[in-house]
């Protein structure tokens, strides 16, 4: 039986930095502080010190526009060799006013990163790696995981960005955002639970840098 539903399009499925990015702009310090604040708000277990390590002030942040509604945030690094242009390394992205999500390469680089996360069961893995949204049973079946709900609220809420791990796998395989809260999924385990934004092997994952 299936735990996830195949979809026709995915924002980064066939991403190509040579053709899919348009304008690039250096992010102002005030905007970068706002981005950091939103990331911390969406991931309360992160600390400001950890985020400063991920996005140090000495490494300028550059934003690229991808399509009409996507911003890709990249950490700019200058080479040691003179006369060679610097490179921009994708670290976060945001669609419209949605959550600011990390790239998988950033998550893999910092495996202890305390960002909101869930886990799907083993049977979901091949479908998720094909670019499928996560169906609710993949989160509640044996092998799946969502943070516990409490009187203060659900473990993860509708609209929250999440890093997605898989049963038996050490590293995250996708990122996306919740279409329902964990409490609602536990009450009515039907339909799509997470809309996938970026997955292992897609175009963004295959992009090491943008020049």
N, C-alpha and C. Protein backbone atom coordinates (compact mmCIF):
# COMPACT_ATOMS: atom_id res chain seq x y z
N UNK A 1 0.84 -1.19 0.00
CA UNK A 1 0.00 0.00 0.00
C UNK A 1 0.88 1.24 0.00
N UNK A 2 0.31 2.37 -0.43
CA UNK A 2 1.11 3.56 -0.64
C UNK A 2 0.91 4.56 0.50
N UNK A 3 1.98 5.24 0.85
CA UNK A 3 1.93 6.21 1.92
C UNK A 3 2.02 7.64 1.39
N UNK A 4 2.33 7.79 0.12
CA UNK A 4 2.51 9.11 -0.46
C UNK A 4 1.90 9.16 -1.84
N UNK A 5 1.62 10.34 -2.29
CA UNK A 5 0.91 10.54 -3.53
C UNK A 5 1.80 11.25 -4.54
N UNK A 6 1.88 10.71 -5.72
CA UNK A 6 2.71 11.30 -6.78
C UNK A 6 2.12 12.62 -7.23
N UNK A 7 2.96 13.61 -7.49
CA UNK A 7 2.48 14.89 -7.97
C UNK A 7 3.13 15.19 -9.32
N UNK A 8 2.53 16.10 -10.06
CA UNK A 8 2.98 16.37 -11.43
C UNK A 8 4.14 17.35 -11.49
N UNK A 9 4.22 18.24 -10.53
CA UNK A 9 5.27 19.26 -10.60
C UNK A 9 5.86 19.49 -9.22
N UNK A 10 7.12 19.89 -9.19
CA UNK A 10 7.81 20.17 -7.94
C UNK A 10 8.80 21.29 -8.24
N UNK A 11 8.86 22.24 -7.35
CA UNK A 11 9.58 23.46 -7.67
C UNK A 11 11.05 23.24 -8.05
N UNK A 12 11.73 22.28 -7.44
CA UNK A 12 13.14 22.09 -7.73
C UNK A 12 13.43 20.77 -8.45
N UNK A 13 12.40 20.08 -8.92
CA UNK A 13 12.61 18.77 -9.54
C UNK A 13 13.64 18.84 -10.67
N UNK A 14 13.50 19.81 -11.56
CA UNK A 14 14.40 19.93 -12.70
C UNK A 14 15.13 21.27 -12.68
N UNK A 15 15.41 21.76 -11.49
CA UNK A 15 16.07 23.05 -11.34
C UNK A 15 17.42 23.07 -12.03
N UNK A 16 17.65 24.13 -12.80
CA UNK A 16 18.93 24.33 -13.48
C UNK A 16 19.37 25.76 -13.23
N UNK A 17 20.45 25.98 -12.48
CA UNK A 17 20.85 27.35 -12.15
C UNK A 17 21.24 28.18 -13.36
N UNK A 18 21.59 27.53 -14.45
CA UNK A 18 21.97 28.28 -15.65
C UNK A 18 20.77 28.92 -16.35
N UNK A 19 19.58 28.36 -16.12
CA UNK A 19 18.41 28.87 -16.83
C UNK A 19 17.25 29.26 -15.92
N UNK A 20 17.26 28.82 -14.68
CA UNK A 20 16.09 29.02 -13.82
C UNK A 20 16.22 30.14 -12.80
N UNK A 21 17.38 30.76 -12.71
CA UNK A 21 17.53 31.90 -11.80
C UNK A 21 17.63 33.18 -12.63
N UNK A 22 17.04 34.25 -12.12
CA UNK A 22 17.08 35.50 -12.85
C UNK A 22 17.94 36.51 -12.10
N UNK A 23 17.32 37.43 -11.40
CA UNK A 23 18.09 38.48 -10.74
C UNK A 23 18.76 37.98 -9.47
N UNK A 24 19.91 38.53 -9.17
CA UNK A 24 20.60 38.24 -7.91
C UNK A 24 20.88 39.55 -7.21
N UNK A 25 20.69 39.54 -5.89
CA UNK A 25 20.86 40.76 -5.10
C UNK A 25 21.55 40.42 -3.80
N UNK A 26 22.49 41.26 -3.40
CA UNK A 26 23.11 41.09 -2.10
C UNK A 26 22.10 41.46 -1.03
N UNK A 27 21.93 40.59 -0.05
CA UNK A 27 20.93 40.82 1.00
C UNK A 27 21.47 41.85 2.00
N UNK A 28 20.68 42.88 2.25
CA UNK A 28 21.08 43.91 3.22
C UNK A 28 21.13 43.31 4.62
N UNK A 29 21.95 43.93 5.46
CA UNK A 29 22.13 43.43 6.82
C UNK A 29 20.81 43.38 7.58
N UNK A 30 19.97 44.38 7.39
CA UNK A 30 18.68 44.42 8.08
C UNK A 30 17.77 43.30 7.62
N UNK A 31 17.81 42.98 6.32
CA UNK A 31 17.00 41.89 5.79
C UNK A 31 17.53 40.55 6.28
N UNK A 32 18.85 40.42 6.35
CA UNK A 32 19.45 39.18 6.83
C UNK A 32 19.07 38.93 8.30
N UNK A 33 19.02 39.99 9.09
CA UNK A 33 18.60 39.84 10.49
C UNK A 33 17.15 39.38 10.55
N UNK A 34 16.32 39.91 9.66
CA UNK A 34 14.90 39.52 9.61
C UNK A 34 14.76 38.05 9.21
N UNK A 35 15.57 37.61 8.24
CA UNK A 35 15.54 36.21 7.83
C UNK A 35 15.93 35.29 8.98
N UNK A 36 16.99 35.67 9.68
CA UNK A 36 17.44 34.87 10.82
C UNK A 36 16.35 34.79 11.88
N UNK A 37 15.67 35.91 12.11
CA UNK A 37 14.60 35.94 13.10
C UNK A 37 13.46 34.99 12.71
N UNK A 38 13.11 34.96 11.42
CA UNK A 38 12.04 34.08 10.96
C UNK A 38 12.45 32.61 11.05
N UNK A 39 13.72 32.32 10.76
CA UNK A 39 14.21 30.94 10.86
C UNK A 39 14.16 30.48 12.31
N UNK A 40 14.57 31.35 13.24
CA UNK A 40 14.54 31.01 14.66
C UNK A 40 13.11 30.84 15.15
N UNK A 41 12.21 31.67 14.66
CA UNK A 41 10.81 31.58 15.05
C UNK A 41 10.20 30.25 14.61
N UNK A 42 10.59 29.79 13.41
CA UNK A 42 10.06 28.54 12.89
C UNK A 42 10.74 27.31 13.45
N UNK A 43 11.90 27.52 14.10
CA UNK A 43 12.68 26.40 14.64
C UNK A 43 13.17 26.78 16.04
N UNK A 44 12.30 26.71 17.04
CA UNK A 44 12.64 27.22 18.37
C UNK A 44 13.79 26.50 19.05
N UNK A 45 14.15 25.30 18.58
CA UNK A 45 15.28 24.58 19.20
C UNK A 45 16.63 25.07 18.68
N UNK A 46 16.60 25.85 17.60
CA UNK A 46 17.84 26.46 17.11
C UNK A 46 18.24 27.60 18.03
N UNK A 47 19.52 27.88 18.08
CA UNK A 47 19.98 29.04 18.85
C UNK A 47 20.57 30.07 17.88
N UNK A 48 20.62 31.29 18.35
CA UNK A 48 21.17 32.36 17.53
C UNK A 48 22.65 32.10 17.22
N UNK A 49 23.35 31.49 18.17
CA UNK A 49 24.77 31.19 17.97
C UNK A 49 24.97 30.19 16.84
N UNK A 50 24.12 29.16 16.79
CA UNK A 50 24.22 28.16 15.73
C UNK A 50 23.90 28.79 14.39
N UNK A 51 22.86 29.63 14.37
CA UNK A 51 22.48 30.26 13.11
C UNK A 51 23.57 31.22 12.62
N UNK A 52 24.25 31.88 13.53
CA UNK A 52 25.36 32.75 13.14
C UNK A 52 26.51 31.95 12.53
N UNK A 53 26.64 30.70 12.98
CA UNK A 53 27.66 29.82 12.38
C UNK A 53 27.25 29.41 10.96
N UNK A 54 25.95 29.19 10.77
CA UNK A 54 25.46 28.83 9.45
C UNK A 54 25.52 30.00 8.48
N UNK A 55 25.19 31.18 9.00
CA UNK A 55 25.14 32.39 8.17
C UNK A 55 26.01 33.47 8.81
N UNK A 56 27.31 33.30 8.76
CA UNK A 56 28.20 34.29 9.39
C UNK A 56 28.14 35.63 8.68
N UNK A 57 28.31 36.69 9.47
CA UNK A 57 28.22 38.05 8.92
C UNK A 57 29.31 38.32 7.89
N UNK A 58 30.46 37.65 8.06
CA UNK A 58 31.57 37.91 7.14
C UNK A 58 31.35 37.29 5.76
N UNK A 59 30.36 36.37 5.66
CA UNK A 59 30.02 35.77 4.36
C UNK A 59 28.70 36.38 3.88
N UNK A 60 28.75 37.29 2.93
CA UNK A 60 27.53 37.95 2.49
C UNK A 60 26.49 36.95 1.99
N UNK A 61 25.24 37.29 2.21
CA UNK A 61 24.13 36.46 1.72
C UNK A 61 23.60 37.07 0.43
N UNK A 62 23.42 36.23 -0.58
CA UNK A 62 22.92 36.67 -1.89
C UNK A 62 21.60 35.97 -2.16
N UNK A 63 20.62 36.72 -2.63
CA UNK A 63 19.34 36.10 -2.96
C UNK A 63 19.14 36.06 -4.47
N UNK A 64 18.66 34.93 -4.96
CA UNK A 64 18.35 34.73 -6.36
C UNK A 64 16.84 34.53 -6.50
N UNK A 65 16.28 35.13 -7.52
CA UNK A 65 14.87 34.91 -7.80
C UNK A 65 14.74 33.69 -8.71
N UNK A 66 13.90 32.75 -8.30
CA UNK A 66 13.66 31.52 -9.06
C UNK A 66 12.18 31.49 -9.42
N UNK A 67 11.87 31.69 -10.70
CA UNK A 67 10.47 31.74 -11.08
C UNK A 67 9.82 32.99 -10.50
N UNK A 68 8.50 33.05 -10.52
CA UNK A 68 7.82 34.26 -10.07
C UNK A 68 7.68 34.41 -8.56
N UNK A 69 7.81 33.31 -7.79
CA UNK A 69 7.46 33.39 -6.37
C UNK A 69 8.49 32.75 -5.43
N UNK A 70 9.69 32.47 -5.92
CA UNK A 70 10.67 31.76 -5.11
C UNK A 70 11.94 32.59 -4.92
N UNK A 71 12.45 32.59 -3.69
CA UNK A 71 13.73 33.20 -3.39
C UNK A 71 14.69 32.12 -2.89
N UNK A 72 15.87 32.08 -3.50
CA UNK A 72 16.91 31.14 -3.10
C UNK A 72 18.03 31.95 -2.46
N UNK A 73 18.32 31.66 -1.19
CA UNK A 73 19.34 32.40 -0.46
C UNK A 73 20.64 31.61 -0.45
N UNK A 74 21.71 32.29 -0.85
CA UNK A 74 23.02 31.63 -1.00
C UNK A 74 24.08 32.35 -0.18
N UNK A 75 24.99 31.56 0.36
CA UNK A 75 26.12 32.12 1.09
C UNK A 75 27.24 32.37 0.10
N UNK A 76 27.71 33.60 0.05
CA UNK A 76 28.75 33.97 -0.92
C UNK A 76 30.13 33.76 -0.31
N UNK A 77 31.00 33.13 -1.07
CA UNK A 77 32.37 32.90 -0.62
C UNK A 77 33.34 33.31 -1.71
N UNK A 78 34.34 34.07 -1.32
CA UNK A 78 35.37 34.50 -2.25
C UNK A 78 36.50 33.47 -2.29
N UNK A 79 37.04 33.19 -3.46
CA UNK A 79 38.13 32.21 -3.57
C UNK A 79 39.44 32.77 -3.04
N UNK A 80 40.35 31.88 -2.70
CA UNK A 80 41.68 32.31 -2.25
C UNK A 80 42.52 32.82 -3.41
N UNK A 81 42.22 32.33 -4.60
CA UNK A 81 43.01 32.69 -5.77
C UNK A 81 42.53 34.01 -6.35
N UNK A 82 43.45 34.91 -6.61
CA UNK A 82 43.10 36.22 -7.17
C UNK A 82 42.65 36.09 -8.62
N UNK A 83 41.73 36.96 -9.02
CA UNK A 83 41.26 36.98 -10.40
C UNK A 83 40.17 35.96 -10.69
N UNK A 84 39.76 35.21 -9.67
CA UNK A 84 38.70 34.21 -9.86
C UNK A 84 37.45 34.71 -9.14
N UNK A 85 36.32 34.66 -9.83
CA UNK A 85 35.08 35.15 -9.23
C UNK A 85 34.61 34.22 -8.11
N UNK A 86 33.88 34.81 -7.16
CA UNK A 86 33.38 34.04 -6.04
C UNK A 86 32.21 33.15 -6.43
N UNK A 87 31.80 32.32 -5.50
CA UNK A 87 30.70 31.38 -5.74
C UNK A 87 29.63 31.57 -4.67
N UNK A 88 28.39 31.26 -5.05
CA UNK A 88 27.27 31.34 -4.13
C UNK A 88 26.74 29.93 -3.87
N UNK A 89 26.65 29.57 -2.59
CA UNK A 89 26.25 28.23 -2.19
C UNK A 89 24.84 28.27 -1.59
N UNK A 90 23.88 27.58 -2.22
CA UNK A 90 22.50 27.61 -1.71
C UNK A 90 22.40 27.06 -0.29
N UNK A 91 21.71 27.82 0.59
CA UNK A 91 21.57 27.38 1.99
C UNK A 91 20.11 27.37 2.46
N UNK A 92 19.31 28.34 2.01
CA UNK A 92 17.90 28.39 2.37
C UNK A 92 17.07 28.85 1.17
N UNK A 93 15.78 28.58 1.22
CA UNK A 93 14.88 29.08 0.18
C UNK A 93 13.50 29.34 0.77
N UNK A 94 12.72 30.14 0.06
CA UNK A 94 11.38 30.49 0.53
C UNK A 94 10.46 30.71 -0.66
N UNK A 95 9.27 30.13 -0.60
CA UNK A 95 8.27 30.34 -1.63
C UNK A 95 7.19 31.26 -1.08
N UNK A 96 6.95 32.35 -1.80
CA UNK A 96 5.98 33.37 -1.37
C UNK A 96 6.27 33.76 0.08
N UNK A 97 5.24 33.69 0.94
CA UNK A 97 5.42 34.03 2.35
C UNK A 97 5.49 32.77 3.22
N UNK A 98 5.85 31.64 2.61
CA UNK A 98 5.92 30.38 3.34
C UNK A 98 7.13 30.32 4.24
N UNK A 99 7.32 29.18 4.90
CA UNK A 99 8.46 29.04 5.81
C UNK A 99 9.79 29.09 5.06
N UNK A 100 10.82 29.56 5.73
CA UNK A 100 12.16 29.56 5.15
C UNK A 100 12.76 28.18 5.42
N UNK A 101 13.06 27.46 4.34
CA UNK A 101 13.48 26.07 4.44
C UNK A 101 14.97 25.91 4.11
N UNK A 102 15.64 24.98 4.77
CA UNK A 102 17.05 24.75 4.48
C UNK A 102 17.23 23.84 3.27
N UNK A 103 18.34 23.98 2.58
CA UNK A 103 18.67 23.01 1.55
C UNK A 103 19.16 21.72 2.22
N UNK A 104 19.00 20.61 1.54
CA UNK A 104 19.43 19.33 2.11
C UNK A 104 20.94 19.29 2.32
N UNK A 105 21.68 19.93 1.43
CA UNK A 105 23.14 19.92 1.61
C UNK A 105 23.55 20.64 2.87
N UNK A 106 22.83 21.70 3.24
CA UNK A 106 23.11 22.39 4.49
C UNK A 106 22.78 21.47 5.66
N UNK A 107 21.63 20.80 5.59
CA UNK A 107 21.23 19.87 6.65
C UNK A 107 22.24 18.73 6.79
N UNK A 108 22.74 18.22 5.66
CA UNK A 108 23.71 17.13 5.71
C UNK A 108 25.07 17.61 6.24
N UNK A 109 25.39 18.85 5.95
CA UNK A 109 26.66 19.41 6.42
C UNK A 109 26.66 19.59 7.94
N UNK A 110 25.46 19.87 8.48
CA UNK A 110 25.32 20.05 9.93
C UNK A 110 24.27 19.05 10.43
N UNK A 111 24.65 17.76 10.57
CA UNK A 111 23.67 16.72 10.90
C UNK A 111 23.00 16.88 12.26
N UNK A 112 23.60 17.65 13.15
CA UNK A 112 22.99 17.87 14.45
C UNK A 112 22.11 19.10 14.51
N UNK A 113 21.82 19.68 13.36
CA UNK A 113 21.03 20.90 13.28
C UNK A 113 19.63 20.66 13.84
N UNK A 114 19.23 21.47 14.81
CA UNK A 114 17.97 21.25 15.52
C UNK A 114 16.82 22.00 14.83
N UNK A 115 16.45 21.52 13.66
CA UNK A 115 15.31 22.10 12.96
C UNK A 115 14.12 21.15 13.10
N UNK A 116 12.92 21.69 12.99
CA UNK A 116 11.73 20.84 13.12
C UNK A 116 11.82 19.70 12.12
N UNK A 117 11.54 18.49 12.58
CA UNK A 117 11.68 17.34 11.70
C UNK A 117 10.64 16.28 11.99
N UNK A 118 10.40 15.46 10.98
CA UNK A 118 9.51 14.32 11.08
C UNK A 118 10.21 13.15 10.40
N UNK A 119 9.59 11.97 10.49
CA UNK A 119 10.16 10.80 9.83
C UNK A 119 9.06 9.99 9.17
N UNK A 120 9.33 9.52 7.95
CA UNK A 120 8.38 8.66 7.25
C UNK A 120 8.85 7.21 7.37
N UNK A 121 7.92 6.28 7.21
CA UNK A 121 8.29 4.87 7.33
C UNK A 121 9.03 4.39 6.09
N UNK A 122 9.63 3.24 6.20
CA UNK A 122 10.52 2.70 5.17
C UNK A 122 9.82 2.57 3.81
N UNK A 123 8.56 2.19 3.81
CA UNK A 123 7.85 1.98 2.55
C UNK A 123 7.67 3.23 1.72
N UNK A 124 7.78 4.38 2.35
CA UNK A 124 7.57 5.64 1.64
C UNK A 124 8.79 6.11 0.85
N UNK A 125 9.96 5.57 1.20
CA UNK A 125 11.22 6.13 0.69
C UNK A 125 11.28 6.21 -0.84
N UNK A 126 11.04 5.12 -1.59
CA UNK A 126 11.21 5.22 -3.05
C UNK A 126 10.25 6.21 -3.70
N UNK A 127 9.06 6.37 -3.14
CA UNK A 127 8.11 7.32 -3.70
C UNK A 127 8.51 8.75 -3.39
N UNK A 128 8.99 8.97 -2.19
CA UNK A 128 9.43 10.31 -1.81
C UNK A 128 10.62 10.74 -2.65
N UNK A 129 11.53 9.81 -2.93
CA UNK A 129 12.69 10.14 -3.76
C UNK A 129 12.31 10.33 -5.22
N UNK A 130 11.08 9.98 -5.58
CA UNK A 130 10.59 10.26 -6.92
C UNK A 130 9.84 11.57 -7.00
N UNK A 131 9.77 12.29 -5.88
CA UNK A 131 9.11 13.59 -5.88
C UNK A 131 7.66 13.54 -5.50
N UNK A 132 7.31 12.77 -4.49
CA UNK A 132 5.92 12.65 -4.07
C UNK A 132 5.67 13.42 -2.79
N UNK A 133 4.46 13.91 -2.64
CA UNK A 133 4.05 14.49 -1.36
C UNK A 133 3.85 13.37 -0.34
N UNK A 134 4.02 13.69 0.93
CA UNK A 134 3.88 12.70 1.98
C UNK A 134 2.41 12.58 2.38
N UNK A 135 1.88 11.36 2.28
CA UNK A 135 0.53 11.11 2.74
C UNK A 135 0.55 10.84 4.24
N UNK A 136 -0.54 11.15 4.90
CA UNK A 136 -0.61 11.07 6.37
C UNK A 136 -0.21 9.72 6.95
N UNK A 137 -0.64 8.58 6.36
CA UNK A 137 -0.26 7.29 6.97
C UNK A 137 1.25 7.06 7.03
N UNK A 138 2.01 7.67 6.13
CA UNK A 138 3.46 7.51 6.17
C UNK A 138 4.09 8.11 7.41
N UNK A 139 3.34 8.98 8.10
CA UNK A 139 3.84 9.61 9.32
C UNK A 139 3.36 8.91 10.58
N UNK A 140 2.26 8.16 10.48
CA UNK A 140 1.66 7.53 11.67
C UNK A 140 1.89 6.02 11.73
N UNK A 141 2.24 5.40 10.60
CA UNK A 141 2.53 3.96 10.62
C UNK A 141 3.80 3.68 11.42
N UNK A 142 4.00 2.41 11.77
CA UNK A 142 5.24 2.03 12.46
C UNK A 142 6.44 2.48 11.63
N UNK A 143 7.39 3.12 12.27
CA UNK A 143 8.56 3.64 11.57
C UNK A 143 8.46 5.12 11.29
N UNK A 144 7.24 5.66 11.31
CA UNK A 144 7.04 7.09 11.14
C UNK A 144 7.14 7.81 12.47
N UNK A 145 7.29 9.13 12.40
CA UNK A 145 7.42 9.92 13.63
C UNK A 145 6.98 11.35 13.39
N UNK A 146 6.24 11.89 14.35
CA UNK A 146 5.96 13.32 14.44
C UNK A 146 6.13 13.72 15.90
N UNK A 147 6.57 14.95 16.18
CA UNK A 147 6.69 15.39 17.58
C UNK A 147 5.36 15.26 18.32
N UNK A 148 5.45 15.00 19.60
CA UNK A 148 4.24 14.82 20.41
C UNK A 148 3.42 16.11 20.48
N UNK A 149 2.11 15.94 20.50
CA UNK A 149 1.20 17.06 20.73
C UNK A 149 1.06 17.27 22.23
N UNK A 150 0.63 18.45 22.62
CA UNK A 150 0.44 18.75 24.04
C UNK A 150 -0.74 19.70 24.20
N UNK A 151 -1.03 20.05 25.45
CA UNK A 151 -2.10 21.01 25.71
C UNK A 151 -1.77 22.38 25.14
N UNK A 152 -0.47 22.64 24.98
CA UNK A 152 -0.04 23.94 24.45
C UNK A 152 -0.19 24.03 22.94
N UNK A 153 -0.36 22.89 22.27
CA UNK A 153 -0.52 22.90 20.83
C UNK A 153 0.05 21.66 20.19
N UNK A 154 -0.08 21.55 18.87
CA UNK A 154 0.44 20.37 18.17
C UNK A 154 1.96 20.36 18.13
N UNK A 155 2.52 19.17 17.95
CA UNK A 155 3.97 19.06 17.83
C UNK A 155 4.51 19.84 16.66
N UNK A 156 3.83 19.74 15.52
CA UNK A 156 4.10 20.58 14.36
C UNK A 156 2.76 21.09 13.85
N UNK A 157 2.73 22.34 13.45
CA UNK A 157 1.47 22.97 13.06
C UNK A 157 1.35 23.05 11.54
N UNK A 158 0.14 23.27 11.07
CA UNK A 158 -0.08 23.47 9.65
C UNK A 158 0.74 24.66 9.17
N UNK A 159 1.46 24.49 8.08
CA UNK A 159 2.29 25.56 7.54
C UNK A 159 3.73 25.53 8.02
N UNK A 160 4.03 24.73 9.04
CA UNK A 160 5.41 24.65 9.53
C UNK A 160 6.32 23.99 8.50
N UNK A 161 7.52 24.51 8.37
CA UNK A 161 8.53 23.85 7.56
C UNK A 161 9.14 22.70 8.33
N UNK A 162 9.42 21.59 7.66
CA UNK A 162 9.99 20.43 8.34
C UNK A 162 11.08 19.78 7.49
N UNK A 163 12.08 19.25 8.17
CA UNK A 163 13.09 18.40 7.54
C UNK A 163 12.58 16.97 7.68
N UNK A 164 12.65 16.20 6.60
CA UNK A 164 12.04 14.87 6.58
C UNK A 164 13.12 13.79 6.56
N UNK A 165 13.11 12.98 7.60
CA UNK A 165 13.98 11.81 7.67
C UNK A 165 13.17 10.58 7.29
N UNK A 166 13.85 9.44 7.17
CA UNK A 166 13.16 8.20 6.79
C UNK A 166 13.66 7.06 7.65
N UNK A 167 12.80 6.12 7.92
CA UNK A 167 13.12 4.97 8.74
C UNK A 167 14.35 4.23 8.18
N UNK A 168 15.33 4.03 9.02
CA UNK A 168 16.52 3.29 8.63
C UNK A 168 17.57 4.12 7.91
N UNK A 169 17.32 5.41 7.70
CA UNK A 169 18.27 6.28 7.01
C UNK A 169 18.85 7.29 7.98
N UNK A 170 20.15 7.51 7.87
CA UNK A 170 20.82 8.42 8.81
C UNK A 170 20.56 9.88 8.46
N UNK A 171 20.53 10.18 7.16
CA UNK A 171 20.42 11.58 6.74
C UNK A 171 19.04 11.90 6.18
N UNK A 172 18.66 13.16 6.28
CA UNK A 172 17.37 13.62 5.78
C UNK A 172 17.28 13.40 4.27
N UNK A 173 16.06 13.13 3.79
CA UNK A 173 15.89 12.89 2.36
C UNK A 173 15.01 13.93 1.67
N UNK A 174 14.40 14.83 2.43
CA UNK A 174 13.55 15.85 1.81
C UNK A 174 13.25 16.96 2.82
N UNK A 175 12.74 18.07 2.32
CA UNK A 175 12.20 19.13 3.16
C UNK A 175 10.87 19.57 2.55
N UNK A 176 10.00 20.08 3.39
CA UNK A 176 8.71 20.53 2.89
C UNK A 176 7.96 21.26 3.99
N UNK A 177 6.64 21.40 3.82
CA UNK A 177 5.85 22.08 4.85
C UNK A 177 4.55 21.33 5.11
N UNK A 178 4.11 21.39 6.34
CA UNK A 178 2.94 20.66 6.77
C UNK A 178 1.67 21.24 6.14
N UNK A 179 0.83 20.38 5.60
CA UNK A 179 -0.47 20.83 5.10
C UNK A 179 -1.55 20.64 6.16
N UNK A 180 -1.21 19.91 7.22
CA UNK A 180 -2.09 19.72 8.37
C UNK A 180 -1.21 19.70 9.62
N UNK A 181 -1.81 19.96 10.76
CA UNK A 181 -1.04 19.84 12.00
C UNK A 181 -0.88 18.37 12.36
N UNK A 182 0.10 18.08 13.21
CA UNK A 182 0.29 16.69 13.65
C UNK A 182 -0.93 16.20 14.42
N UNK A 183 -1.58 17.08 15.15
CA UNK A 183 -2.79 16.69 15.90
C UNK A 183 -3.91 16.29 14.93
N UNK A 184 -4.09 17.07 13.86
CA UNK A 184 -5.14 16.76 12.88
C UNK A 184 -4.83 15.46 12.15
N UNK A 185 -3.55 15.22 11.87
CA UNK A 185 -3.16 13.98 11.18
C UNK A 185 -3.45 12.78 12.06
N UNK A 186 -3.18 12.90 13.35
CA UNK A 186 -3.44 11.78 14.26
C UNK A 186 -4.95 11.52 14.41
N UNK A 187 -5.76 12.57 14.29
CA UNK A 187 -7.21 12.41 14.41
C UNK A 187 -7.83 11.87 13.14
N UNK A 188 -7.33 12.33 12.00
CA UNK A 188 -7.90 11.95 10.70
C UNK A 188 -6.77 11.68 9.73
N UNK A 189 -6.31 10.44 9.71
CA UNK A 189 -5.09 10.10 8.97
C UNK A 189 -5.40 9.82 7.50
N UNK A 190 -5.79 10.87 6.80
CA UNK A 190 -6.10 10.75 5.38
C UNK A 190 -5.55 11.96 4.62
N UNK A 191 -5.24 11.75 3.35
CA UNK A 191 -4.80 12.86 2.50
C UNK A 191 -3.33 13.19 2.66
N UNK A 192 -2.95 14.32 2.08
CA UNK A 192 -1.55 14.77 2.10
C UNK A 192 -1.23 15.42 3.43
N UNK A 193 -0.13 15.00 4.02
CA UNK A 193 0.31 15.57 5.29
C UNK A 193 1.42 16.60 5.13
N UNK A 194 2.27 16.38 4.14
CA UNK A 194 3.39 17.31 3.88
C UNK A 194 3.52 17.54 2.39
N UNK A 195 3.62 18.79 2.01
CA UNK A 195 3.91 19.11 0.61
C UNK A 195 5.43 19.24 0.47
N UNK A 196 5.99 18.44 -0.42
CA UNK A 196 7.44 18.41 -0.60
C UNK A 196 7.91 19.59 -1.44
N UNK A 197 8.99 20.22 -0.99
CA UNK A 197 9.56 21.35 -1.71
C UNK A 197 10.89 21.00 -2.37
N UNK A 198 11.61 20.05 -1.79
CA UNK A 198 12.99 19.77 -2.21
C UNK A 198 13.35 18.38 -1.71
N UNK A 199 13.92 17.54 -2.59
CA UNK A 199 14.22 16.17 -2.17
C UNK A 199 15.57 15.71 -2.69
N UNK A 200 16.07 14.67 -2.08
CA UNK A 200 17.38 14.13 -2.42
C UNK A 200 17.43 13.74 -3.90
N UNK A 201 18.40 14.32 -4.63
CA UNK A 201 18.56 14.00 -6.04
C UNK A 201 17.89 14.95 -7.00
N UNK A 202 17.12 15.92 -6.50
CA UNK A 202 16.47 16.86 -7.42
C UNK A 202 17.49 17.88 -7.93
N UNK A 203 17.03 18.81 -8.74
CA UNK A 203 17.94 19.76 -9.38
C UNK A 203 18.69 20.63 -8.39
N UNK A 204 18.02 21.05 -7.32
CA UNK A 204 18.69 21.87 -6.32
C UNK A 204 19.76 21.07 -5.60
N UNK A 205 19.47 19.82 -5.29
CA UNK A 205 20.45 18.99 -4.59
C UNK A 205 21.70 18.79 -5.45
N UNK A 206 21.52 18.74 -6.75
CA UNK A 206 22.64 18.53 -7.67
C UNK A 206 23.40 19.82 -7.96
N UNK A 207 22.92 20.94 -7.43
CA UNK A 207 23.57 22.23 -7.64
C UNK A 207 24.51 22.52 -6.47
N UNK A 208 25.80 22.45 -6.73
CA UNK A 208 26.77 22.71 -5.68
C UNK A 208 26.95 24.21 -5.43
N UNK A 209 26.93 24.98 -6.51
CA UNK A 209 27.14 26.41 -6.38
C UNK A 209 26.56 27.12 -7.59
N UNK A 210 26.37 28.42 -7.43
CA UNK A 210 25.89 29.27 -8.53
C UNK A 210 26.93 30.35 -8.76
N UNK A 211 27.32 30.52 -10.01
CA UNK A 211 28.36 31.51 -10.33
C UNK A 211 27.82 32.55 -11.31
